[in-house]
Amino acid sequence: MPNEPPQDEPEQPDEADESLANADFKEPSWAFALNFFWPGAGLVYLRRPWLGLANFAAVVTIAAAAWFALPEARRESAAPWIGLILCGSSGFLAYRMANDANERLK
């Protein structure tokens, strides 16, 4: 039959549909930022609340130990660097965990 209506092509899913289908994807940079500014929050974002609590406790414990171990004259100059190192490593932990979780989803 020459007068058949044209067949509709199946719609290709766009990026928004793919992101909704993959709802467990976690943004690594967001996990890093959360964990950098509040140690443990990035891990809670990754749905690992007990690990987040342990991360927070570890960062606070190490910071307190460093504070009391340093002589009083060096505390003020060393504290920002210690905080930066602890928060940076905490953020990197969350970043790597988010990347690993996203790789398992692929």
Foldseek 3Di string as FASTA:
>chain_A
DVPDDDDDDDDDDDPVVVCVVVVLQDDLVVLLVLCLVQNLRSVVVNVNNVVSVVLNVVLVVVLVVVQVVDDPVCNVVCNVVSSNVSSNVSSVVSSVVSVVVVVVVD
